[in-house]
PDB file of N, CA and C in Angstrom:
ATOM      1  N   UNK A   1      -2.678  45.510 -53.279  1.00  0.00           N
ATOM      2  CA  UNK A   1      -2.266  45.066 -52.135  1.00  0.00           C
ATOM      3  C   UNK A   1      -1.608  43.880 -52.291  1.00  0.00           C
ATOM      4  N   UNK A   2      -0.463  44.059 -51.701  1.00  0.00           N
ATOM      5  CA  UNK A   2       0.811  42.871 -52.125  1.00  0.00           C
ATOM      6  C   UNK A   2       0.550  41.389 -51.463  1.00  0.00           C
ATOM      7  N   UNK A   3       0.939  40.455 -52.422  1.00  0.00           N
ATOM      8  CA  UNK A   3       0.177  39.156 -51.697  1.00  0.00           C
ATOM      9  C   UNK A   3       0.839  39.026 -49.898  1.00  0.00           C
ATOM     10  N   UNK A   4       0.294  37.846 -49.375  1.00  0.00           N
ATOM     11  CA  UNK A   4       0.654  37.839 -47.975  1.00  0.00           C
ATOM     12  C   UNK A   4       1.790  36.950 -47.560  1.00  0.00           C
ATOM     13  N   UNK A   5       2.398  36.556 -48.961  1.00  0.00           N
ATOM     14  CA  UNK A   5       3.725  35.836 -49.223  1.00  0.00           C
ATOM     15  C   UNK A   5       4.967  36.829 -48.966  1.00  0.00           C
ATOM     16  N   UNK A   6       4.622  37.961 -49.707  1.00  0.00           N
ATOM     17  CA  UNK A   6       5.569  38.887 -49.836  1.00  0.00           C
ATOM     18  C   UNK A   6       5.480  39.776 -48.354  1.00  0.00           C
ATOM     19  N   UNK A   7       4.703  39.941 -47.790  1.00  0.00           N
ATOM     20  CA  UNK A   7       4.806  40.491 -46.461  1.00  0.00           C
ATOM     21  C   UNK A   7       5.106  39.613 -45.427  1.00  0.00           C
ATOM     22  N   UNK A   8       5.044  38.280 -45.708  1.00  0.00           N
ATOM     23  CA  UNK A   8       5.709  37.539 -44.617  1.00  0.00           C
ATOM     24  C   UNK A   8       6.897  37.634 -44.984  1.00  0.00           C
ATOM     25  N   UNK A   9       6.959  37.544 -46.172  1.00  0.00           N
ATOM     26  CA  UNK A   9       9.055  37.417 -46.250  1.00  0.00           C
ATOM     27  C   UNK A   9       9.812  38.745 -46.099  1.00  0.00           C
ATOM     28  N   UNK A  10       8.736  39.972 -46.056  1.00  0.00           N
ATOM     29  CA  UNK A  10       9.273  41.207 -45.659  1.00  0.00           C
ATOM     30  C   UNK A  10       9.500  41.099 -43.834  1.00  0.00           C
ATOM     31  N   UNK A  11       8.354  40.750 -43.939  1.00  0.00           N
ATOM     32  CA  UNK A  11       8.307  40.465 -41.789  1.00  0.00           C
ATOM     33  C   UNK A  11       9.162  39.751 -41.785  1.00  0.00           C
ATOM     34  N   UNK A  12       9.912  38.646 -42.242  1.00  0.00           N
ATOM     35  CA  UNK A  12      11.129  37.834 -42.089  1.00  0.00           C
ATOM     36  C   UNK A  12      12.492  38.500 -41.843  1.00  0.00           C
ATOM     37  N   UNK A  13      12.537  39.351 -42.944  1.00  0.00           N
ATOM     38  CA  UNK A  13      13.614  40.432 -43.229  1.00  0.00           C
ATOM     39  C   UNK A  13      14.132  41.376 -41.773  1.00  0.00           C
ATOM     40  N   UNK A  14      12.546  41.881 -41.423  1.00  0.00           N
ATOM     41  CA  UNK A  14      12.683  42.925 -40.336  1.00  0.00           C
ATOM     42  C   UNK A  14      12.949  42.224 -39.199  1.00  0.00           C
ATOM     43  N   UNK A  15      12.326  41.030 -38.927  1.00  0.00           N
ATOM     44  CA  UNK A  15      13.110  40.408 -38.050  1.00  0.00           C
ATOM     45  C   UNK A  15      14.120  40.100 -37.779  1.00  0.00           C
ATOM     46  N   UNK A  16      14.837  39.366 -39.005  1.00  0.00           N
ATOM     47  CA  UNK A  16      15.870  39.198 -38.486  1.00  0.00           C
ATOM     48  C   UNK A  16      16.665  40.103 -38.302  1.00  0.00           C
ATOM     49  N   UNK A  17      16.780  41.508 -39.009  1.00  0.00           N
ATOM     50  CA  UNK A  17      17.611  42.242 -38.591  1.00  0.00           C
ATOM     51  C   UNK A  17      17.038  42.864 -37.020  1.00  0.00           C
ATOM     52  N   UNK A  18      16.003  42.810 -36.760  1.00  0.00           N
ATOM     53  CA  UNK A  18      15.211  43.019 -35.336  1.00  0.00           C
ATOM     54  C   UNK A  18      15.956  43.781 -34.116  1.00  0.00           C
ATOM     55  N   UNK A  19      15.929  45.232 -35.188  1.00  0.00           N
ATOM     56  CA  UNK A  19      16.683  46.272 -34.075  1.00  0.00           C
ATOM     57  C   UNK A  19      16.434  46.515 -32.739  1.00  0.00           C
ATOM     58  N   UNK A  20      15.338  46.385 -32.306  1.00  0.00           N
ATOM     59  CA  UNK A  20      15.083  46.127 -30.625  1.00  0.00           C
ATOM     60  C   UNK A  20      15.525  45.292 -30.152  1.00  0.00           C
ATOM     61  N   UNK A  21      15.670  44.016 -30.532  1.00  0.00           N
ATOM     62  CA  UNK A  21      15.926  42.826 -30.270  1.00  0.00           C
ATOM     63  C   UNK A  21      14.784  41.877 -29.294  1.00  0.00           C
ATOM     64  N   UNK A  22      13.660  42.213 -30.072  1.00  0.00           N
ATOM     65  CA  UNK A  22      12.352  41.428 -29.362  1.00  0.00           C
ATOM     66  C   UNK A  22      11.905  40.439 -30.382  1.00  0.00           C
ATOM     67  N   UNK A  23      12.212  40.261 -31.693  1.00  0.00           N
ATOM     68  CA  UNK A  23      11.348  39.283 -32.854  1.00  0.00           C
ATOM     69  C   UNK A  23      11.272  38.169 -31.913  1.00  0.00           C
ATOM     70  N   UNK A  24      12.347  37.446 -31.259  1.00  0.00           N
ATOM     71  CA  UNK A  24      11.597  35.976 -30.675  1.00  0.00           C
ATOM     72  C   UNK A  24      10.690  35.772 -29.990  1.00  0.00           C
ATOM     73  N   UNK A  25      10.273  36.771 -29.339  1.00  0.00           N
ATOM     74  CA  UNK A  25       9.212  36.876 -28.494  1.00  0.00           C
ATOM     75  C   UNK A  25       7.933  37.768 -29.298  1.00  0.00           C
ATOM     76  N   UNK A  26       8.010  38.694 -29.545  1.00  0.00           N
ATOM     77  CA  UNK A  26       6.928  39.839 -30.752  1.00  0.00           C
ATOM     78  C   UNK A  26       7.603  39.797 -32.165  1.00  0.00           C
ATOM     79  N   UNK A  27       6.580  38.397 -32.861  1.00  0.00           N
ATOM     80  CA  UNK A  27       6.741  38.848 -34.256  1.00  0.00           C
ATOM     81  C   UNK A  27       6.178  39.467 -35.236  1.00  0.00           C
ATOM     82  N   UNK A  28       5.075  40.708 -34.644  1.00  0.00           N
ATOM     83  CA  UNK A  28       4.890  41.580 -35.568  1.00  0.00           C
ATOM     84  C   UNK A  28       5.356  42.950 -34.859  1.00  0.00           C
ATOM     85  N   UNK A  29       5.956  43.171 -34.461  1.00  0.00           N
ATOM     86  CA  UNK A  29       6.830  44.331 -33.625  1.00  0.00           C
ATOM     87  C   UNK A  29       6.777  45.323 -35.080  1.00  0.00           C
ATOM     88  N   UNK A  30       7.611  44.893 -36.263  1.00  0.00           N
ATOM     89  CA  UNK A  30       8.157  45.703 -37.022  1.00  0.00           C
ATOM     90  C   UNK A  30       6.923  45.714 -38.015  1.00  0.00           C
ATOM     91  N   UNK A  31       5.807  45.184 -38.016  1.00  0.00           N
ATOM     92  CA  UNK A  31       5.002  45.279 -39.104  1.00  0.00           C
ATOM     93  C   UNK A  31       4.109  46.690 -39.510  1.00  0.00           C
ATOM     94  N   UNK A  32       4.583  47.652 -38.496  1.00  0.00           N
ATOM     95  CA  UNK A  32       4.317  48.818 -39.021  1.00  0.00           C
ATOM     96  C   UNK A  32       5.168  49.550 -40.135  1.00  0.00           C
ATOM     97  N   UNK A  33       6.418  48.608 -40.225  1.00  0.00           N
ATOM     98  CA  UNK A  33       7.027  49.428 -41.367  1.00  0.00           C
ATOM     99  C   UNK A  33       6.778  48.674 -42.748  1.00  0.00           C
ATOM    100  N   UNK A  34       5.925  47.617 -43.025  1.00  0.00           N
ATOM    101  CA  UNK A  34       5.712  46.703 -43.880  1.00  0.00           C
ATOM    102  C   UNK A  34       5.133  47.459 -45.105  1.00  0.00           C
ATOM    103  N   UNK A  35       4.074  48.074 -44.743  1.00  0.00           N
ATOM    104  CA  UNK A  35       3.193  48.953 -45.632  1.00  0.00           C
ATOM    105  C   UNK A  35       4.015  50.194 -46.234  1.00  0.00           C
ATOM    106  N   UNK A  36       4.565  50.735 -45.358  1.00  0.00           N
ATOM    107  CA  UNK A  36       5.260  51.749 -45.825  1.00  0.00           C
ATOM    108  C   UNK A  36       6.569  51.544 -46.852  1.00  0.00           C
ATOM    109  N   UNK A  37       6.828  50.399 -46.677  1.00  0.00           N
ATOM    110  CA  UNK A  37       7.940  49.887 -46.981  1.00  0.00           C
ATOM    111  C   UNK A  37       7.952  49.243 -48.552  1.00  0.00           C
ATOM    112  N   UNK A  38       6.805  48.141 -48.765  1.00  0.00           N
ATOM    113  CA  UNK A  38       6.323  48.257 -49.997  1.00  0.00           C
ATOM    114  C   UNK A  38       6.157  49.081 -51.068  1.00  0.00           C
ATOM    115  N   UNK A  39       5.518  50.235 -50.559  1.00  0.00           N
ATOM    116  CA  UNK A  39       5.008  50.912 -51.352  1.00  0.00           C
ATOM    117  C   UNK A  39       6.419  51.834 -51.847  1.00  0.00           C
ATOM    118  N   UNK A  40       6.987  52.032 -51.092  1.00  0.00           N
ATOM    119  CA  UNK A  40       8.122  52.708 -51.461  1.00  0.00           C
ATOM    120  C   UNK A  40       9.055  51.693 -52.755  1.00  0.00           C
ATOM    121  N   UNK A  41       9.356  50.593 -52.205  1.00  0.00           N
ATOM    122  CA  UNK A  41       9.990  49.227 -53.277  1.00  0.00           C
ATOM    123  C   UNK A  41       8.973  49.494 -54.447  1.00  0.00           C
ATOM    124  N   UNK A  42       7.776  49.251 -54.384  1.00  0.00           N
ATOM    125  CA  UNK A  42       7.018  49.144 -55.433  1.00  0.00           C
ATOM    126  C   UNK A  42       7.236  50.742 -56.466  1.00  0.00           C
ATOM    127  N   UNK A  43       7.099  51.653 -55.692  1.00  0.00           N
ATOM    128  CA  UNK A  43       7.364  52.708 -56.413  1.00  0.00           C
ATOM    129  C   UNK A  43       8.712  53.099 -56.849  1.00  0.00           C
ATOM    130  N   UNK A  44       9.755  52.202 -56.991  1.00  0.00           N
ATOM    131  CA  UNK A  44      10.983  52.141 -57.092  1.00  0.00           C
ATOM    132  C   UNK A  44      12.235  53.012 -56.487  1.00  0.00           C
ATOM    133  N   UNK A  45      11.779  52.912 -54.956  1.00  0.00           N
ATOM    134  CA  UNK A  45      12.987  53.439 -54.259  1.00  0.00           C
ATOM    135  C   UNK A  45      14.059  52.841 -54.323  1.00  0.00           C
ATOM    136  N   UNK A  46      15.223  53.412 -54.126  1.00  0.00           N
ATOM    137  CA  UNK A  46      16.279  52.752 -53.699  1.00  0.00           C
ATOM    138  C   UNK A  46      17.162  52.524 -52.603  1.00  0.00           C
ATOM    139  N   UNK A  47      18.525  51.955 -52.622  1.00  0.00           N
ATOM    140  CA  UNK A  47      19.008  52.398 -51.021  1.00  0.00           C
ATOM    141  C   UNK A  47      18.993  53.580 -50.111  1.00  0.00           C
ATOM    142  N   UNK A  48      18.880  54.529 -50.827  1.00  0.00           N
ATOM    143  CA  UNK A  48      18.706  56.009 -50.324  1.00  0.00           C
ATOM    144  C   UNK A  48      17.500  56.035 -49.522  1.00  0.00           C
ATOM    145  N   UNK A  49      16.571  56.295 -50.389  1.00  0.00           N
ATOM    146  CA  UNK A  49      15.362  56.455 -50.046  1.00  0.00           C
ATOM    147  C   UNK A  49      14.850  55.381 -48.913  1.00  0.00           C
ATOM    148  N   UNK A  50      15.182  53.762 -48.637  1.00  0.00           N
ATOM    149  CA  UNK A  50      14.994  53.301 -48.063  1.00  0.00           C
ATOM    150  C   UNK A  50      15.557  53.333 -46.537  1.00  0.00           C
ATOM    151  N   UNK A  51      16.667  53.365 -46.739  1.00  0.00           N
ATOM    152  CA  UNK A  51      17.793  53.752 -45.393  1.00  0.00           C
ATOM    153  C   UNK A  51      17.125  55.004 -44.652  1.00  0.00           C
ATOM    154  N   UNK A  52      16.327  56.336 -45.444  1.00  0.00           N
ATOM    155  CA  UNK A  52      16.032  57.091 -45.126  1.00  0.00           C
ATOM    156  C   UNK A  52      15.022  56.772 -44.134  1.00  0.00           C
ATOM    157  N   UNK A  53      13.730  56.236 -44.721  1.00  0.00           N
ATOM    158  CA  UNK A  53      13.297  55.793 -44.314  1.00  0.00           C
ATOM    159  C   UNK A  53      13.184  54.914 -42.643  1.00  0.00           C
ATOM    160  N   UNK A  54      13.994  54.163 -43.202  1.00  0.00           N
ATOM    161  CA  UNK A  54      14.436  52.960 -41.727  1.00  0.00           C
ATOM    162  C   UNK A  54      15.012  54.133 -40.692  1.00  0.00           C
ATOM    163  N   UNK A  55      15.990  55.003 -41.132  1.00  0.00           N
ATOM    164  CA  UNK A  55      16.557  56.055 -40.021  1.00  0.00           C
ATOM    165  C   UNK A  55      15.332  56.489 -39.341  1.00  0.00           C
ATOM    166  N   UNK A  56      14.738  57.001 -39.903  1.00  0.00           N
ATOM    167  CA  UNK A  56      13.567  58.198 -39.503  1.00  0.00           C
ATOM    168  C   UNK A  56      12.453  56.896 -38.502  1.00  0.00           C
ATOM    169  N   UNK A  57      12.649  56.138 -38.880  1.00  0.00           N
ATOM    170  CA  UNK A  57      11.545  55.001 -38.241  1.00  0.00           C
ATOM    171  C   UNK A  57      12.187  54.380 -36.693  1.00  0.00           C
ATOM    172  N   UNK A  58      13.211  54.288 -36.787  1.00  0.00           N
ATOM    173  CA  UNK A  58      14.109  53.892 -35.640  1.00  0.00           C
ATOM    174  C   UNK A  58      14.128  55.228 -34.558  1.00  0.00           C
ATOM    175  N   UNK A  59      14.392  55.998 -35.433  1.00  0.00           N
ATOM    176  CA  UNK A  59      14.729  57.132 -34.565  1.00  0.00           C
ATOM    177  C   UNK A  59      12.999  58.278 -33.672  1.00  0.00           C
ATOM    178  N   UNK A  60      12.151  58.147 -34.684  1.00  0.00           N
ATOM    179  CA  UNK A  60      11.124  58.932 -33.999  1.00  0.00           C
ATOM    180  C   UNK A  60      10.101  57.887 -33.759  1.00  0.00           C
ATOM    181  N   UNK A  61       9.766  56.443 -33.990  1.00  0.00           N
ATOM    182  CA  UNK A  61       8.943  55.921 -34.082  1.00  0.00           C
ATOM    183  C   UNK A  61       9.008  54.777 -32.790  1.00  0.00           C
ATOM    184  N   UNK A  62      10.546  54.372 -33.204  1.00  0.00           N
ATOM    185  CA  UNK A  62      10.961  53.247 -31.928  1.00  0.00           C
ATOM    186  C   UNK A  62      11.714  53.894 -30.862  1.00  0.00           C
ATOM    187  N   UNK A  63      12.397  55.445 -31.219  1.00  0.00           N
ATOM    188  CA  UNK A  63      13.019  55.749 -30.034  1.00  0.00           C
ATOM    189  C   UNK A  63      14.676  55.747 -30.043  1.00  0.00           C
ATOM    190  N   UNK A  64      14.889  54.871 -31.010  1.00  0.00           N
ATOM    191  CA  UNK A  64      16.605  54.543 -31.276  1.00  0.00           C
ATOM    192  C   UNK A  64      17.733  55.410 -31.907  1.00  0.00           C
ATOM    193  N   UNK A  65      18.457  54.796 -31.495  1.00  0.00           N
ATOM    194  CA  UNK A  65      19.877  55.796 -32.224  1.00  0.00           C
ATOM    195  C   UNK A  65      20.198  54.507 -33.329  1.00  0.00           C
ATOM    196  N   UNK A  66      19.604  55.331 -34.743  1.00  0.00           N
ATOM    197  CA  UNK A  66      20.002  54.235 -35.664  1.00  0.00           C
ATOM    198  C   UNK A  66      21.357  54.357 -35.782  1.00  0.00           C
ATOM    199  N   UNK A  67      22.398  55.051 -35.883  1.00  0.00           N
ATOM    200  CA  UNK A  67      23.633  55.067 -35.856  1.00  0.00           C
ATOM    201  C   UNK A  67      24.388  53.732 -35.828  1.00  0.00           C
ATOM    202  N   UNK A  68      24.073  52.737 -34.950  1.00  0.00           N
ATOM    203  CA  UNK A  68      24.218  51.290 -34.491  1.00  0.00           C
ATOM    204  C   UNK A  68      23.889  50.518 -35.048  1.00  0.00           C
ATOM    205  N   UNK A  69      22.517  50.600 -35.885  1.00  0.00           N
ATOM    206  CA  UNK A  69      21.332  49.513 -36.509  1.00  0.00           C
ATOM    207  C   UNK A  69      22.206  49.003 -37.619  1.00  0.00           C
ATOM    208  N   UNK A  70      23.128  49.418 -38.351  1.00  0.00           N
ATOM    209  CA  UNK A  70      23.385  48.885 -39.619  1.00  0.00           C
ATOM    210  C   UNK A  70      21.947  49.121 -40.786  1.00  0.00           C
ATOM    211  N   UNK A  71      21.722  50.160 -40.755  1.00  0.00           N
ATOM    212  CA  UNK A  71      20.385  50.734 -41.486  1.00  0.00           C
ATOM    213  C   UNK A  71      21.026  50.816 -43.338  1.00  0.00           C
ATOM    214  N   UNK A  72      22.258  51.028 -43.383  1.00  0.00           N
ATOM    215  CA  UNK A  72      22.522  51.240 -44.630  1.00  0.00           C
ATOM    216  C   UNK A  72      22.461  50.204 -45.450  1.00  0.00           C
ATOM    217  N   UNK A  73      23.158  48.730 -44.786  1.00  0.00           N
ATOM    218  CA  UNK A  73      23.201  47.450 -44.891  1.00  0.00           C
ATOM    219  C   UNK A  73      21.542  46.744 -44.935  1.00  0.00           C
ATOM    220  N   UNK A  74      20.862  47.307 -44.154  1.00  0.00           N
ATOM    221  CA  UNK A  74      19.474  46.570 -44.419  1.00  0.00           C
ATOM    222  C   UNK A  74      18.793  47.263 -45.467  1.00  0.00           C
ATOM    223  N   UNK A  75      18.905  48.688 -45.933  1.00  0.00           N
ATOM    224  CA  UNK A  75      18.316  49.076 -47.010  1.00  0.00           C
ATOM    225  C   UNK A  75      18.614  48.385 -48.257  1.00  0.00           C
ATOM    226  N   UNK A  76      20.112  47.907 -48.322  1.00  0.00           N
ATOM    227  CA  UNK A  76      20.714  47.471 -49.152  1.00  0.00           C
ATOM    228  C   UNK A  76      19.787  46.127 -49.565  1.00  0.00           C
ATOM    229  N   UNK A  77      19.545  45.404 -48.427  1.00  0.00           N
ATOM    230  CA  UNK A  77      19.370  43.750 -48.545  1.00  0.00           C
ATOM    231  C   UNK A  77      17.450  44.226 -48.799  1.00  0.00           C
ATOM    232  N   UNK A  78      17.101  44.835 -48.311  1.00  0.00           N
ATOM    233  CA  UNK A  78      15.674  45.017 -48.932  1.00  0.00           C
ATOM    234  C   UNK A  78      15.440  45.440 -49.944  1.00  0.00           C
ATOM    235  N   UNK A  79      16.253  46.204 -50.917  1.00  0.00           N
ATOM    236  CA  UNK A  79      16.108  46.288 -52.097  1.00  0.00           C
ATOM    237  C   UNK A  79      16.812  45.474 -53.015  1.00  0.00           C
ATOM    238  N   UNK A  80      17.689  44.550 -52.908  1.00  0.00           N
ATOM    239  CA  UNK A  80      17.956  43.298 -53.668  1.00  0.00           C
ATOM    240  C   UNK A  80      17.143  42.241 -53.337  1.00  0.00           C
ATOM    241  N   UNK A  81      16.417  42.213 -52.227  1.00  0.00           N
ATOM    242  CA  UNK A  81      15.046  41.430 -51.872  1.00  0.00           C
ATOM    243  C   UNK A  81      13.894  41.522 -52.795  1.00  0.00           C
ATOM    244  N   UNK A  82      13.777  43.066 -52.865  1.00  0.00           N
ATOM    245  CA  UNK A  82      12.664  43.447 -53.624  1.00  0.00           C
ATOM    246  C   UNK A  82      12.934  43.302 -55.168  1.00  0.00           C
ATOM    247  N   UNK A  83      14.193  43.687 -55.669  1.00  0.00           N
ATOM    248  CA  UNK A  83      14.433  43.602 -56.947  1.00  0.00           C
ATOM    249  C   UNK A  83      14.213  41.696 -57.823  1.00  0.00           C
ATOM    250  N   UNK A  84      14.448  40.891 -56.226  1.00  0.00           N
ATOM    251  CA  UNK A  84      14.164  39.358 -56.398  1.00  0.00           C
ATOM    252  C   UNK A  84      13.125  38.977 -56.665  1.00  0.00           C
ATOM    253  N   UNK A  85      12.224  39.744 -55.825  1.00  0.00           N
ATOM    254  CA  UNK A  85      11.042  39.233 -55.347  1.00  0.00           C
ATOM    255  C   UNK A  85       9.725  39.959 -56.666  1.00  0.00           C
ATOM    256  N   UNK A  86      10.369  41.441 -56.850  1.00  0.00           N
ATOM    257  CA  UNK A  86       9.575  42.089 -58.258  1.00  0.00           C
ATOM    258  C   UNK A  86       9.716  41.276 -59.304  1.00  0.00           C
ATOM    259  N   UNK A  87      11.120  40.623 -59.553  1.00  0.00           N
ATOM    260  CA  UNK A  87      11.364  40.021 -60.911  1.00  0.00           C
ATOM    261  C   UNK A  87      10.694  38.611 -61.059  1.00  0.00           C
ATOM    262  N   UNK A  88      10.364  38.089 -60.147  1.00  0.00           N
ATOM    263  CA  UNK A  88      10.007  36.494 -60.338  1.00  0.00           C
ATOM    264  C   UNK A  88       8.502  36.592 -60.449  1.00  0.00           C
TER     265      UNK A  88
END
């Protein structure tokens, strides 16, 4: 299990992205993505796999059109964050 600070850091990044636009009012809206993302990142997922996960979550879970949500940019940011986190 990942330390709480890693989960908090990932929560912060997801809330900063905030594809629904509710993070100011609901801090745990994206918590459903934390464990699956950490698992994928821990297993060495790259940008493409993280992007695919985010795309399907936005579309299937949140009911959003991922086309306008900068999914690839967020995936790149999460992979870079993980590289920094896992390397320290």
